[in-house]
Each structure stands twice: as structure tokens, then as C-alpha cells.
Amino acid sequence: MSRVVKMITCALIGALLAVSVAGCGDQTAEANAAIEAANKQAQTYMTLDKEITVLMDKAGSVDFTPEGVKPGIEAIDEALAKLAERKTVVANMKAEYAKIESMDVREEIKTYAKQQLEIADIFGEMDELGTKMLTDTKTLYQMVEADSSDSAKAQELAEAIEETSAMIKELGNELREKQAESDKYFEDNNLGGK
């Protein structure tokens, strides 16, 4: 998942470049303020992203013994708490971009905001899947901790983790495409005022 995390960080850096938009609409300043507020949320998202990556690396490098998985379980709990925090950050980003729809600004600004809303939706979906993957991993680790002999359940969890990871990767590809399209749209429509 750390590759996906790095890819999300790169996408967010692209979004951060769009700090303001140029336009002649009456509420362009308000749209700029909403985009700037969304970008601040994106910075918070990136900070949490780095922290989650460290915790996931820690959780992934445990010894599969009853004692060895304990630090992994603790790291997963911390990562889950940060993912929950990130859910609020994504909601805040979306709220800022959603404001622009009813503003008196150029259609290009509204279109860009809609694109960013779609991208934020993908961040949210990826975080939901990340939560599921970590929860399943924690359950697997708890089985190891309890010295469980239920190999069928362990296999089921391992397959679920692999499947969720593949879904995250697929969403990551979609995210990259949408971010590239949105960045191009931003440049093509001179929304940065250059």
C-alpha cells in the first residue's frame, strides 16, 4: 500500500499547485478562498499520509509469533485512528469544492471544482478500502497472537487482504488518470491566471 500512498501524495501535490484561479466572475475571490481552504486540507491529508505509511511499514514488519505481532496490532490501531481522522479531512476538502457550484464564477472554475470533488471521492473510497485491509490484517494478527489453529479463517483473511489491495491499486490508477486530466484542464483553461 505504500506505493499507493506515494501516488496519492503526488496527486495531492498536483492539487496544491492550484492555489488560486483567475476569472471574471463576481465570486472569483470566494472560489479562490474555497480552493485555498481545500488545499490546506490536502496538506493535512499528506501529513497524515506520511504518518500512516510509517505505521503500515511497522505493522508489515512483524514476526509472526504470538508476541511478535503485538507491535503490529498497536501500529494498525494507530493507523486506523489516522485513517478515521483523514475521513474528516476528505469531507472538509469536498465541502470547500462543493461551495463553488453555486457561485457566480466562470464555468471552467465550476468544472475544475467538480473534477476535484470526484478526485476527493476516490481518496475517500481508497481510505475505506485501506480501513478494511487494516482491519482484516489486525484480525489475522490477533489470530496469531491467540495462537489460533483455524487455518481456513487465516486463509480467508489473507485472500480478503489481497483482494482489497488489488482494489486499492485499481482505484489508484483511476485517481492518477483523473488527476492528470484535471491538471491538464486547469492549465488549458488558464485557471492559474498565467
Protein backbone atom coordinates (compact mmCIF):
# COMPACT_ATOMS: atom_id res chain seq x y z
CA MET A 1 0.00 0.00 0.00
CA SER A 2 2.95 2.36 0.45
CA ARG A 3 3.25 2.75 -3.35
CA VAL A 4 -0.39 3.78 -3.44
CA VAL A 5 0.24 6.21 -0.58
CA LYS A 6 3.12 7.79 -2.50
CA MET A 7 0.93 8.05 -5.61
CA ILE A 8 -1.81 9.78 -3.60
CA THR A 9 0.76 12.19 -2.24
CA CYS A 10 1.89 13.04 -5.79
CA ALA A 11 -1.73 13.62 -6.84
CA LEU A 12 -2.28 15.92 -3.90
CA ILE A 13 0.86 17.89 -4.73
CA GLY A 14 -0.70 18.50 -8.14
CA ALA A 15 -3.85 19.75 -6.45
CA LEU A 16 -1.78 22.05 -4.25
CA LEU A 17 -0.40 23.79 -7.31
CA ALA A 18 -3.92 25.07 -7.98
CA VAL A 19 -3.96 27.55 -5.12
CA SER A 20 -5.96 30.16 -6.99
CA VAL A 21 -7.97 30.55 -10.15
CA ALA A 22 -8.24 33.57 -12.37
CA GLY A 23 -11.61 34.67 -13.64
CA CYS A 24 -14.05 37.48 -14.18
CA GLY A 25 -17.00 36.14 -12.18
CA ASP A 26 -18.32 38.15 -9.28
CA GLN A 27 -17.34 35.48 -6.76
CA THR A 28 -13.93 34.52 -8.06
CA ALA A 29 -12.31 35.66 -4.82
CA GLU A 30 -14.64 33.39 -2.85
CA ALA A 31 -13.84 30.50 -5.21
CA ASN A 32 -10.13 31.18 -4.70
CA ALA A 33 -10.67 31.09 -0.94
CA ALA A 34 -12.53 27.77 -1.18
CA ILE A 35 -9.76 26.26 -3.31
CA GLU A 36 -7.12 27.57 -0.91
CA ALA A 37 -9.02 26.06 2.05
CA ALA A 38 -9.27 22.74 0.19
CA ASN A 39 -5.52 22.88 -0.48
CA LYS A 40 -4.84 23.36 3.24
CA GLN A 41 -6.90 20.24 3.88
CA ALA A 42 -4.83 18.48 1.22
CA GLN A 43 -1.67 19.40 3.14
CA THR A 44 -3.18 17.88 6.28
CA TYR A 45 -4.05 14.78 4.23
CA MET A 46 -0.43 14.49 3.08
CA THR A 47 0.88 14.84 6.64
CA LEU A 48 -1.44 12.06 7.81
CA ASP A 49 -0.44 10.04 4.75
CA LYS A 50 3.21 10.07 5.79
CA GLU A 51 2.31 9.05 9.34
CA ILE A 52 0.08 6.21 8.09
CA THR A 53 2.84 4.96 5.78
CA VAL A 54 5.29 4.72 8.71
CA LEU A 55 2.72 2.85 10.80
CA MET A 56 1.86 0.46 7.97
CA ASP A 57 5.53 -0.27 7.38
CA LYS A 58 5.87 -1.02 11.09
CA ALA A 59 2.78 -3.25 11.02
CA GLY A 60 4.10 -5.11 7.99
CA SER A 61 7.47 -5.96 9.52
CA VAL A 62 6.43 -8.10 12.47
CA ASP A 63 7.43 -11.59 13.49
CA PHE A 64 4.51 -13.98 13.09
CA THR A 65 4.61 -15.20 16.66
CA PRO A 66 2.09 -14.51 19.44
CA GLU A 67 4.46 -11.97 20.97
CA GLY A 68 5.86 -10.69 17.67
CA VAL A 69 2.54 -9.44 16.25
CA LYS A 70 1.74 -7.20 19.24
CA PRO A 71 3.64 -4.16 17.91
CA GLY A 72 1.90 -4.70 14.57
CA ILE A 73 -1.53 -4.65 16.21
CA GLU A 74 -0.63 -1.42 18.01
CA ALA A 75 0.60 0.16 14.75
CA ILE A 76 -2.59 -0.90 12.97
CA ASP A 77 -4.72 0.68 15.70
CA GLU A 78 -2.80 3.95 15.32
CA ALA A 79 -3.10 3.81 11.51
CA LEU A 80 -6.85 3.17 11.76
CA ALA A 81 -7.24 6.22 14.01
CA LYS A 82 -5.35 8.34 11.47
CA LEU A 83 -7.48 6.97 8.63
CA ALA A 84 -10.58 7.99 10.59
CA GLU A 85 -9.08 11.46 11.00
CA ARG A 86 -8.34 11.57 7.29
CA LYS A 87 -12.01 10.82 6.56
CA THR A 88 -12.84 14.20 8.13
CA VAL A 89 -10.12 15.87 6.09
CA VAL A 90 -11.57 14.47 2.85
CA ALA A 91 -15.06 15.62 3.88
CA ASN A 92 -13.69 19.11 4.50
CA MET A 93 -11.98 19.16 1.09
CA LYS A 94 -15.22 18.13 -0.58
CA ALA A 95 -17.20 20.76 1.30
CA GLU A 96 -14.89 23.50 0.05
CA TYR A 97 -15.05 22.39 -3.58
CA ALA A 98 -18.83 21.88 -3.36
CA LYS A 99 -19.31 25.57 -2.44
CA ILE A 100 -18.12 26.61 -5.89
CA GLU A 101 -21.08 25.04 -7.72
CA SER A 102 -23.47 27.79 -6.60
CA MET A 103 -21.00 30.66 -7.04
CA ASP A 104 -21.12 33.27 -9.79
CA VAL A 105 -17.86 32.24 -11.47
CA ARG A 106 -16.71 31.01 -14.88
CA GLU A 107 -17.99 27.56 -15.87
CA GLU A 108 -14.40 26.39 -16.19
CA ILE A 109 -13.86 27.04 -12.48
CA LYS A 110 -17.01 25.06 -11.64
CA THR A 111 -15.87 22.22 -13.89
CA TYR A 112 -12.47 22.15 -12.22
CA ALA A 113 -14.13 22.06 -8.79
CA LYS A 114 -16.32 19.13 -9.92
CA GLN A 115 -13.22 17.29 -11.08
CA GLN A 116 -11.58 17.84 -7.71
CA LEU A 117 -14.74 16.57 -5.98
CA GLU A 118 -14.51 13.34 -8.00
CA ILE A 119 -10.85 13.02 -7.01
CA ALA A 120 -11.72 13.57 -3.33
CA ASP A 121 -14.38 10.84 -3.67
CA ILE A 122 -11.66 8.45 -4.86
CA PHE A 123 -9.49 9.40 -1.86
CA GLY A 124 -12.44 8.52 0.36
CA GLU A 125 -13.01 5.18 -1.38
CA MET A 126 -9.33 4.31 -1.09
CA ASP A 127 -9.36 5.16 2.62
CA GLU A 128 -12.43 2.96 3.15
CA LEU A 129 -10.63 0.09 1.46
CA GLY A 130 -7.48 0.85 3.46
CA THR A 131 -9.52 0.65 6.63
CA LYS A 132 -10.94 -2.73 5.57
CA MET A 133 -7.50 -4.05 4.70
CA LEU A 134 -6.03 -2.94 8.02
CA THR A 135 -8.99 -4.33 9.97
CA ASP A 136 -8.60 -7.71 8.25
CA THR A 137 -4.84 -7.63 8.90
CA LYS A 138 -5.47 -6.85 12.57
CA THR A 139 -7.88 -9.81 12.81
CA LEU A 140 -5.24 -12.06 11.25
CA TYR A 141 -2.61 -10.79 13.69
CA GLN A 142 -4.98 -11.36 16.60
CA MET A 143 -5.37 -14.95 15.47
CA VAL A 144 -1.58 -15.32 15.52
CA GLU A 145 -1.47 -13.66 18.93
CA ALA A 146 -4.07 -16.13 20.25
CA ASP A 147 -2.12 -19.00 18.66
CA SER A 148 -5.23 -19.96 16.67
CA SER A 149 -5.17 -23.12 14.61
CA ASP A 150 -8.05 -22.00 12.34
CA SER A 151 -6.10 -22.12 9.09
CA ALA A 152 -9.27 -21.79 6.98
CA LYS A 153 -10.10 -18.45 8.62
CA ALA A 154 -6.50 -17.29 8.26
CA GLN A 155 -6.57 -18.19 4.55
CA GLU A 156 -9.89 -16.36 4.12
CA LEU A 157 -8.43 -13.22 5.72
CA ALA A 158 -5.25 -13.42 3.63
CA GLU A 159 -7.32 -13.65 0.43
CA ALA A 160 -9.53 -10.73 1.52
CA ILE A 161 -6.43 -8.62 2.22
CA GLU A 162 -5.01 -9.45 -1.22
CA GLU A 163 -8.33 -8.67 -2.93
CA THR A 164 -8.67 -5.33 -1.14
CA SER A 165 -5.10 -4.44 -2.04
CA ALA A 166 -5.88 -5.09 -5.71
CA MET A 167 -8.96 -2.85 -5.49
CA ILE A 168 -6.86 -0.08 -3.95
CA LYS A 169 -4.36 -0.40 -6.79
CA GLU A 170 -7.16 -0.19 -9.37
CA LEU A 171 -8.58 2.94 -7.73
CA GLY A 172 -5.06 4.36 -7.63
CA ASN A 173 -4.83 4.02 -11.41
CA GLU A 174 -8.19 5.78 -11.80
CA LEU A 175 -7.01 8.50 -9.43
CA ARG A 176 -3.87 9.12 -11.47
CA GLU A 177 -5.88 9.43 -14.68
CA LYS A 178 -8.42 11.83 -13.21
CA GLN A 179 -5.73 13.96 -11.59
CA ALA A 180 -3.79 14.20 -14.84
CA GLU A 181 -6.97 15.19 -16.71
CA SER A 182 -7.82 17.80 -14.08
CA ASP A 183 -4.28 19.23 -14.10
CA LYS A 184 -4.41 19.49 -17.90
CA TYR A 185 -7.84 21.13 -17.74
CA PHE A 186 -6.51 23.62 -15.20
CA GLU A 187 -3.60 24.55 -17.49
CA ASP A 188 -5.58 24.50 -20.74
CA ASN A 189 -8.17 26.88 -19.32
CA ASN A 190 -5.61 29.21 -17.77
CA LEU A 191 -7.22 28.85 -14.36
CA GLY A 192 -3.98 29.82 -12.66
CA GLY A 193 -4.11 33.24 -14.27
CA LYS A 194 -0.79 32.84 -16.08
